[in-house]
Amino acid sequence: MARLILALSALGLLGFGVWMLIAPQAILAAIGIALQSEAALTEIRAFYGGLEIGLGLALLFCLRSPGWLRPGLALSALCYGCVALCRAGGMLVDGSGGGFLLGALAFEASLCVACVWALHADRGKALQAPTGA
């Protein structure tokens, strides 16, 4: 189960990162953000595309490397948890909401909780690297 959770975490980051790299205007326009210049577009592609793709690839590395499953779950929990907390805080402070923000918050919080659950589910027994391989 831990491997599945980490795979979903990686795919979520990779998918959104590629989407932000390819079509940032469409995504951001849907929540009322207009990119006013080419420099703004490049910055969004670089940071939201590049960083999320990089994190997704790091989680895939953790998924495929013996002994890295727990660090990958911890990284995923921290990343998704921080984004969820900041999104929830922003929604409260700004009075924002709506389908996209609520859906993103549910996805991020769910993956954070799932990663924390997986980290504690077996207290490391099932998450250790196989021996003799």
N, C-alpha and C. Protein backbone atom coordinates (compact mmCIF):
# COMPACT_ATOMS: atom_id res chain seq x y z
N MET A 1 0.82 -1.19 0.00
CA MET A 1 0.00 0.00 0.00
C MET A 1 0.87 1.26 0.00
N ALA A 2 1.98 1.22 0.74
CA ALA A 2 2.87 2.38 0.80
C ALA A 2 3.41 2.73 -0.58
N ARG A 3 3.75 1.71 -1.34
CA ARG A 3 4.28 1.96 -2.69
C ARG A 3 3.22 2.60 -3.59
N LEU A 4 1.99 2.16 -3.47
CA LEU A 4 0.90 2.74 -4.25
C LEU A 4 0.68 4.21 -3.87
N ILE A 5 0.71 4.50 -2.59
CA ILE A 5 0.53 5.88 -2.13
C ILE A 5 1.65 6.76 -2.66
N LEU A 6 2.89 6.27 -2.60
CA LEU A 6 4.00 7.06 -3.11
C LEU A 6 3.90 7.23 -4.62
N ALA A 7 3.47 6.20 -5.32
CA ALA A 7 3.29 6.31 -6.78
C ALA A 7 2.23 7.35 -7.11
N LEU A 8 1.11 7.36 -6.39
CA LEU A 8 0.07 8.37 -6.62
C LEU A 8 0.59 9.78 -6.34
N SER A 9 1.39 9.90 -5.30
CA SER A 9 1.98 11.20 -4.97
C SER A 9 2.88 11.68 -6.10
N ALA A 10 3.72 10.78 -6.60
CA ALA A 10 4.63 11.13 -7.69
C ALA A 10 3.86 11.50 -8.95
N LEU A 11 2.86 10.71 -9.29
CA LEU A 11 2.07 10.98 -10.50
C LEU A 11 1.29 12.28 -10.38
N GLY A 12 0.80 12.60 -9.19
CA GLY A 12 0.12 13.88 -8.99
C GLY A 12 1.03 15.05 -9.26
N LEU A 13 2.24 14.99 -8.72
CA LEU A 13 3.21 16.07 -8.95
C LEU A 13 3.64 16.14 -10.41
N LEU A 14 3.95 14.99 -10.99
CA LEU A 14 4.37 14.96 -12.39
C LEU A 14 3.26 15.47 -13.31
N GLY A 15 2.05 15.00 -13.09
CA GLY A 15 0.94 15.40 -13.94
C GLY A 15 0.67 16.89 -13.88
N PHE A 16 0.60 17.43 -12.67
CA PHE A 16 0.34 18.86 -12.54
C PHE A 16 1.52 19.67 -13.05
N GLY A 17 2.74 19.20 -12.80
CA GLY A 17 3.92 19.91 -13.29
C GLY A 17 3.97 19.98 -14.81
N VAL A 18 3.68 18.87 -15.47
CA VAL A 18 3.66 18.87 -16.94
C VAL A 18 2.54 19.77 -17.45
N TRP A 19 1.39 19.72 -16.80
CA TRP A 19 0.26 20.57 -17.18
C TRP A 19 0.64 22.05 -17.05
N MET A 20 1.31 22.41 -15.96
CA MET A 20 1.74 23.80 -15.77
C MET A 20 2.83 24.19 -16.77
N LEU A 21 3.63 23.25 -17.19
CA LEU A 21 4.65 23.53 -18.19
C LEU A 21 4.03 23.76 -19.56
N ILE A 22 3.04 22.95 -19.91
CA ILE A 22 2.45 22.99 -21.25
C ILE A 22 1.36 24.05 -21.39
N ALA A 23 0.47 24.16 -20.42
CA ALA A 23 -0.71 25.02 -20.57
C ALA A 23 -1.00 25.85 -19.32
N PRO A 24 -0.04 26.64 -18.85
CA PRO A 24 -0.29 27.39 -17.62
C PRO A 24 -1.41 28.42 -17.74
N GLN A 25 -1.56 29.03 -18.93
CA GLN A 25 -2.60 30.06 -19.09
C GLN A 25 -3.99 29.48 -18.85
N ALA A 26 -4.26 28.31 -19.39
CA ALA A 26 -5.58 27.70 -19.26
C ALA A 26 -5.90 27.38 -17.81
N ILE A 27 -4.94 26.82 -17.10
CA ILE A 27 -5.16 26.45 -15.71
C ILE A 27 -5.40 27.68 -14.86
N LEU A 28 -4.51 28.66 -15.01
CA LEU A 28 -4.59 29.84 -14.16
C LEU A 28 -5.79 30.71 -14.49
N ALA A 29 -6.17 30.78 -15.76
CA ALA A 29 -7.36 31.56 -16.14
C ALA A 29 -8.61 30.98 -15.48
N ALA A 30 -8.64 29.68 -15.29
CA ALA A 30 -9.80 29.04 -14.67
C ALA A 30 -10.01 29.48 -13.23
N ILE A 31 -8.96 29.97 -12.57
CA ILE A 31 -9.10 30.46 -11.20
C ILE A 31 -8.87 31.97 -11.11
N GLY A 32 -8.93 32.65 -12.27
CA GLY A 32 -8.89 34.10 -12.27
C GLY A 32 -7.51 34.73 -12.27
N ILE A 33 -6.49 33.99 -12.64
CA ILE A 33 -5.14 34.55 -12.71
C ILE A 33 -4.78 34.77 -14.17
N ALA A 34 -4.46 36.01 -14.51
CA ALA A 34 -4.06 36.33 -15.88
C ALA A 34 -2.57 36.61 -15.90
N LEU A 35 -1.87 35.94 -16.78
CA LEU A 35 -0.43 36.17 -16.94
C LEU A 35 -0.27 37.34 -17.91
N GLN A 36 0.33 38.42 -17.43
CA GLN A 36 0.36 39.67 -18.17
C GLN A 36 1.58 39.84 -19.08
N SER A 37 2.55 38.95 -18.99
CA SER A 37 3.76 39.11 -19.81
C SER A 37 4.38 37.75 -20.11
N GLU A 38 5.30 37.76 -21.07
CA GLU A 38 6.03 36.53 -21.39
C GLU A 38 6.89 36.11 -20.21
N ALA A 39 7.46 37.08 -19.49
CA ALA A 39 8.29 36.76 -18.33
C ALA A 39 7.46 36.06 -17.25
N ALA A 40 6.22 36.51 -17.05
CA ALA A 40 5.34 35.87 -16.06
C ALA A 40 5.05 34.43 -16.48
N LEU A 41 4.80 34.23 -17.75
CA LEU A 41 4.53 32.90 -18.27
C LEU A 41 5.73 31.98 -18.07
N THR A 42 6.92 32.49 -18.37
CA THR A 42 8.15 31.71 -18.18
C THR A 42 8.36 31.36 -16.72
N GLU A 43 8.11 32.32 -15.83
CA GLU A 43 8.29 32.07 -14.40
C GLU A 43 7.35 30.99 -13.90
N ILE A 44 6.11 31.02 -14.33
CA ILE A 44 5.14 30.00 -13.93
C ILE A 44 5.55 28.63 -14.47
N ARG A 45 5.96 28.59 -15.73
CA ARG A 45 6.42 27.32 -16.31
C ARG A 45 7.61 26.76 -15.54
N ALA A 46 8.57 27.64 -15.22
CA ALA A 46 9.79 27.20 -14.55
C ALA A 46 9.51 26.73 -13.12
N PHE A 47 8.81 27.56 -12.36
CA PHE A 47 8.64 27.21 -10.95
C PHE A 47 7.56 26.16 -10.74
N TYR A 48 6.36 26.41 -11.21
CA TYR A 48 5.27 25.46 -10.97
C TYR A 48 5.40 24.22 -11.84
N GLY A 49 5.93 24.35 -13.04
CA GLY A 49 6.18 23.18 -13.87
C GLY A 49 7.43 22.45 -13.42
N GLY A 50 8.54 23.18 -13.39
CA GLY A 50 9.83 22.57 -13.10
C GLY A 50 9.95 21.98 -11.71
N LEU A 51 9.51 22.72 -10.71
CA LEU A 51 9.63 22.22 -9.34
C LEU A 51 8.77 20.99 -9.12
N GLU A 52 7.54 21.01 -9.62
CA GLU A 52 6.67 19.86 -9.41
C GLU A 52 7.16 18.64 -10.20
N ILE A 53 7.67 18.86 -11.39
CA ILE A 53 8.24 17.74 -12.15
C ILE A 53 9.45 17.18 -11.41
N GLY A 54 10.30 18.04 -10.90
CA GLY A 54 11.47 17.59 -10.14
C GLY A 54 11.10 16.80 -8.90
N LEU A 55 10.12 17.29 -8.15
CA LEU A 55 9.67 16.56 -6.96
C LEU A 55 9.05 15.22 -7.34
N GLY A 56 8.27 15.21 -8.41
CA GLY A 56 7.67 13.95 -8.87
C GLY A 56 8.74 12.93 -9.26
N LEU A 57 9.77 13.39 -9.96
CA LEU A 57 10.86 12.49 -10.34
C LEU A 57 11.62 12.00 -9.11
N ALA A 58 11.81 12.87 -8.12
CA ALA A 58 12.47 12.46 -6.88
C ALA A 58 11.67 11.36 -6.18
N LEU A 59 10.35 11.50 -6.17
CA LEU A 59 9.51 10.48 -5.54
C LEU A 59 9.57 9.17 -6.33
N LEU A 60 9.64 9.25 -7.66
CA LEU A 60 9.79 8.03 -8.46
C LEU A 60 11.13 7.35 -8.15
N PHE A 61 12.18 8.15 -7.98
CA PHE A 61 13.48 7.60 -7.59
C PHE A 61 13.33 6.86 -6.25
N CYS A 62 12.66 7.50 -5.30
CA CYS A 62 12.46 6.86 -3.99
C CYS A 62 11.66 5.57 -4.11
N LEU A 63 10.73 5.56 -5.01
CA LEU A 63 9.88 4.38 -5.22
C LEU A 63 10.69 3.21 -5.77
N ARG A 64 11.67 3.50 -6.59
CA ARG A 64 12.43 2.44 -7.27
C ARG A 64 13.74 2.08 -6.57
N SER A 65 14.11 2.82 -5.55
CA SER A 65 15.39 2.59 -4.89
C SER A 65 15.19 1.94 -3.52
N PRO A 66 15.76 0.76 -3.32
CA PRO A 66 15.61 0.08 -2.03
C PRO A 66 16.07 0.99 -0.89
N GLY A 67 15.29 1.03 0.16
CA GLY A 67 15.63 1.83 1.32
C GLY A 67 15.17 3.28 1.25
N TRP A 68 14.62 3.70 0.13
CA TRP A 68 14.20 5.10 -0.03
C TRP A 68 12.69 5.30 0.04
N LEU A 69 11.95 4.24 0.30
CA LEU A 69 10.49 4.37 0.35
C LEU A 69 10.05 5.28 1.50
N ARG A 70 10.60 5.07 2.69
CA ARG A 70 10.23 5.92 3.83
C ARG A 70 10.63 7.38 3.62
N PRO A 71 11.84 7.68 3.17
CA PRO A 71 12.16 9.09 2.91
C PRO A 71 11.24 9.70 1.84
N GLY A 72 10.87 8.91 0.85
CA GLY A 72 9.95 9.41 -0.18
C GLY A 72 8.58 9.73 0.39
N LEU A 73 8.08 8.85 1.25
CA LEU A 73 6.79 9.10 1.90
C LEU A 73 6.85 10.34 2.78
N ALA A 74 7.97 10.51 3.49
CA ALA A 74 8.13 11.69 4.34
C ALA A 74 8.18 12.96 3.50
N LEU A 75 8.94 12.94 2.41
CA LEU A 75 9.01 14.10 1.52
C LEU A 75 7.64 14.43 0.95
N SER A 76 6.92 13.42 0.52
CA SER A 76 5.59 13.62 -0.04
C SER A 76 4.64 14.20 1.01
N ALA A 77 4.67 13.65 2.22
CA ALA A 77 3.81 14.16 3.29
C ALA A 77 4.11 15.62 3.58
N LEU A 78 5.39 15.97 3.63
CA LEU A 78 5.77 17.36 3.89
C LEU A 78 5.33 18.28 2.76
N CYS A 79 5.58 17.89 1.54
CA CYS A 79 5.22 18.74 0.39
C CYS A 79 3.71 18.93 0.29
N TYR A 80 2.99 17.83 0.25
CA TYR A 80 1.53 17.94 0.12
C TYR A 80 0.91 18.57 1.36
N GLY A 81 1.44 18.27 2.53
CA GLY A 81 0.91 18.85 3.76
C GLY A 81 1.10 20.35 3.83
N CYS A 82 2.30 20.82 3.47
CA CYS A 82 2.55 22.26 3.48
C CYS A 82 1.67 22.99 2.46
N VAL A 83 1.53 22.42 1.28
CA VAL A 83 0.67 23.05 0.26
C VAL A 83 -0.77 23.08 0.76
N ALA A 84 -1.25 21.98 1.34
CA ALA A 84 -2.63 21.93 1.83
C ALA A 84 -2.86 22.95 2.95
N LEU A 85 -1.91 23.04 3.89
CA LEU A 85 -2.06 24.01 4.98
C LEU A 85 -2.05 25.44 4.47
N CYS A 86 -1.14 25.73 3.55
CA CYS A 86 -1.08 27.09 2.99
C CYS A 86 -2.32 27.41 2.17
N ARG A 87 -2.82 26.43 1.42
CA ARG A 87 -4.03 26.65 0.63
C ARG A 87 -5.22 26.89 1.55
N ALA A 88 -5.37 26.06 2.59
CA ALA A 88 -6.48 26.23 3.53
C ALA A 88 -6.38 27.57 4.25
N GLY A 89 -5.18 27.93 4.67
CA GLY A 89 -4.98 29.23 5.31
C GLY A 89 -5.31 30.38 4.38
N GLY A 90 -4.87 30.28 3.14
CA GLY A 90 -5.17 31.32 2.16
C GLY A 90 -6.66 31.43 1.90
N MET A 91 -7.33 30.30 1.82
CA MET A 91 -8.77 30.31 1.59
C MET A 91 -9.50 30.98 2.76
N LEU A 92 -9.04 30.73 3.97
CA LEU A 92 -9.65 31.37 5.15
C LEU A 92 -9.37 32.87 5.18
N VAL A 93 -8.12 33.25 4.99
CA VAL A 93 -7.74 34.66 5.04
C VAL A 93 -8.36 35.45 3.91
N ASP A 94 -8.36 34.87 2.71
CA ASP A 94 -8.82 35.58 1.52
C ASP A 94 -10.31 35.42 1.26
N GLY A 95 -10.95 34.49 1.93
CA GLY A 95 -12.36 34.24 1.67
C GLY A 95 -12.61 33.62 0.31
N SER A 96 -11.62 32.87 -0.17
CA SER A 96 -11.76 32.24 -1.49
C SER A 96 -12.26 30.81 -1.33
N GLY A 97 -12.62 30.22 -2.43
CA GLY A 97 -13.10 28.85 -2.43
C GLY A 97 -13.37 28.43 -3.85
N GLY A 98 -14.33 27.63 -4.04
CA GLY A 98 -14.68 27.19 -5.38
C GLY A 98 -14.19 25.79 -5.65
N GLY A 99 -14.66 25.26 -6.77
CA GLY A 99 -14.39 23.88 -7.12
C GLY A 99 -12.93 23.51 -7.24
N PHE A 100 -12.15 24.31 -7.97
CA PHE A 100 -10.74 23.98 -8.17
C PHE A 100 -9.99 23.99 -6.84
N LEU A 101 -10.15 25.06 -6.07
CA LEU A 101 -9.41 25.18 -4.81
C LEU A 101 -9.81 24.09 -3.82
N LEU A 102 -11.10 23.82 -3.72
CA LEU A 102 -11.55 22.77 -2.80
C LEU A 102 -11.09 21.38 -3.26
N GLY A 103 -11.14 21.13 -4.55
CA GLY A 103 -10.66 19.86 -5.08
C GLY A 103 -9.17 19.67 -4.85
N ALA A 104 -8.41 20.73 -5.11
CA ALA A 104 -6.96 20.66 -4.89
C ALA A 104 -6.66 20.43 -3.41
N LEU A 105 -7.36 21.14 -2.54
CA LEU A 105 -7.16 20.98 -1.10
C LEU A 105 -7.47 19.55 -0.66
N ALA A 106 -8.55 19.00 -1.15
CA ALA A 106 -8.92 17.62 -0.79
C ALA A 106 -7.86 16.63 -1.27
N PHE A 107 -7.36 16.82 -2.49
CA PHE A 107 -6.33 15.94 -3.05
C PHE A 107 -5.05 16.02 -2.22
N GLU A 108 -4.60 17.26 -1.95
CA GLU A 108 -3.35 17.47 -1.22
C GLU A 108 -3.44 16.93 0.21
N ALA A 109 -4.52 17.26 0.90
CA ALA A 109 -4.67 16.80 2.28
C ALA A 109 -4.79 15.27 2.34
N SER A 110 -5.51 14.69 1.40
CA SER A 110 -5.66 13.23 1.37
C SER A 110 -4.33 12.53 1.16
N LEU A 111 -3.52 13.04 0.24
CA LEU A 111 -2.22 12.41 0.00
C LEU A 111 -1.30 12.59 1.20
N CYS A 112 -1.35 13.74 1.84
CA CYS A 112 -0.54 13.95 3.04
C CYS A 112 -0.92 12.94 4.12
N VAL A 113 -2.20 12.82 4.39
CA VAL A 113 -2.68 11.88 5.41
C VAL A 113 -2.32 10.44 5.03
N ALA A 114 -2.47 10.10 3.76
CA ALA A 114 -2.14 8.74 3.32
C ALA A 114 -0.66 8.45 3.50
N CYS A 115 0.19 9.42 3.20
CA CYS A 115 1.64 9.22 3.38
C CYS A 115 1.99 9.06 4.85
N VAL A 116 1.41 9.88 5.71
CA VAL A 116 1.67 9.76 7.15
C VAL A 116 1.17 8.40 7.65
N TRP A 117 -0.01 7.99 7.20
CA TRP A 117 -0.54 6.68 7.58
C TRP A 117 0.42 5.58 7.15
N ALA A 118 0.90 5.65 5.91
CA ALA A 118 1.81 4.61 5.40
C ALA A 118 3.12 4.58 6.19
N LEU A 119 3.59 5.75 6.60
CA LEU A 119 4.82 5.80 7.40
C LEU A 119 4.65 5.10 8.74
N HIS A 120 3.47 5.19 9.31
CA HIS A 120 3.23 4.62 10.63
C HIS A 120 2.54 3.26 10.61
N ALA A 121 2.03 2.85 9.47
CA ALA A 121 1.21 1.64 9.39
C ALA A 121 1.92 0.40 9.90
N ASP A 122 3.17 0.25 9.55
CA ASP A 122 3.87 -0.98 9.90
C ASP A 122 5.12 -0.70 10.72
N ARG A 123 5.26 0.52 11.15
CA ARG A 123 6.44 0.92 11.94
C ARG A 123 7.74 0.49 11.28
N GLY A 124 7.76 0.51 9.95
CA GLY A 124 8.98 0.26 9.21
C GLY A 124 9.19 -1.16 8.76
N LYS A 125 8.47 -2.12 9.33
CA LYS A 125 8.73 -3.52 8.99
C LYS A 125 8.53 -3.79 7.50
N ALA A 126 7.38 -3.44 6.97
CA ALA A 126 7.08 -3.72 5.56
C ALA A 126 7.72 -2.71 4.63
N LEU A 127 8.24 -1.61 5.17
CA LEU A 127 8.79 -0.57 4.31
C LEU A 127 10.29 -0.68 4.14
N GLN A 128 10.92 -1.63 4.83
CA GLN A 128 12.36 -1.78 4.73
C GLN A 128 12.74 -2.37 3.37
N ALA A 129 13.94 -2.09 2.96
CA ALA A 129 14.45 -2.67 1.72
C ALA A 129 14.54 -4.18 1.88
N PRO A 130 14.22 -4.93 0.84
CA PRO A 130 14.32 -6.39 0.92
C PRO A 130 15.77 -6.81 1.16
N THR A 131 15.96 -7.85 1.95
CA THR A 131 17.31 -8.35 2.21
C THR A 131 17.64 -9.47 1.24
N GLY A 132 18.91 -9.60 0.94
CA GLY A 132 19.36 -10.67 0.07
C GLY A 132 19.06 -10.45 -1.39
N ALA A 133 18.71 -9.23 -1.76
CA ALA A 133 18.38 -8.97 -3.17
C ALA A 133 19.57 -8.47 -3.92
